[in-house]
Amino acid sequence: MDSVPITTSFSPLSESGMTQRPSAAAVLLLTYTLLAPRLAIAAGDLTWSLGARRPTAEGSETQAGISFDLSAGGKQWPVHPAGYVAGFMTRSQNVTLWPPNDDFISGKRRVITTELGVGITRTWTVGSFSPYLAGGVCRVNVLWKDTGTYVSYEAAHEASGSGGWVNAGGFWRLGSGLRFGAGARLSKAKVQDYAVGGTQIVLRVGKEWGWR
């Protein structure tokens, strides 16, 4: 365990200051004594996912993207805290754009979506296969970037909102704590007049520790 420096206001002429360092050390020792047995049974996994997503409203085209999922906790916990971060992007050609105070023009549109979610997950074991179910709350941010094809024009619009997500799938445990599987995540949020989020289908490759 790495040593943690403790800074306190201490004066060699102050009797009260002379007792601050032993008190802080005692608290640190007590905390370590209580947490060490629990840290020894901690378990978790980090999963990398690659797939495609059908957006809710930020574009009609399928988005390609990646996501990272993390869960951790004690071996015997019925559910575990979980979280994820995801990013998606799509490019559209020959899009009809409507610049302010001008007629429509032909252009290109790039849509970048990022998500951050937290929640809980539950995993079961059925032979060599492990299905899972997870869900929670999320924050979704969408950035639209428009560029004129033949006319000099650039515009961007960004919107974000809070909502919920649910994730279901399954995986097989391979050697050295590796996981391989597939899953689907549905996320949905609303901001202003936009419904953001979508349904993501992914292949999952992960690394786990402490579950066995």
Foldseek 3Di string as FASTA:
>chain_A
DDDDDDDDDADPVDPVRVVPVVVVVVVVVVVCVVCVVQVVQKKKKKKKKWFWWQKPFPDRDIWTKIKIKIWMGGLPDQKTKIKMKMKTKDKDFQDWDDDPPDHIATWMKMKIKIKIWIWMKGWDDDPQKIKMKIKGKMKMKMKMWIAGDPDGDIDMDMWMFMWMKMKIWMWGADPQQKIWTWIKMFTWGDDDPDITTTIITIIMIMGMPNND
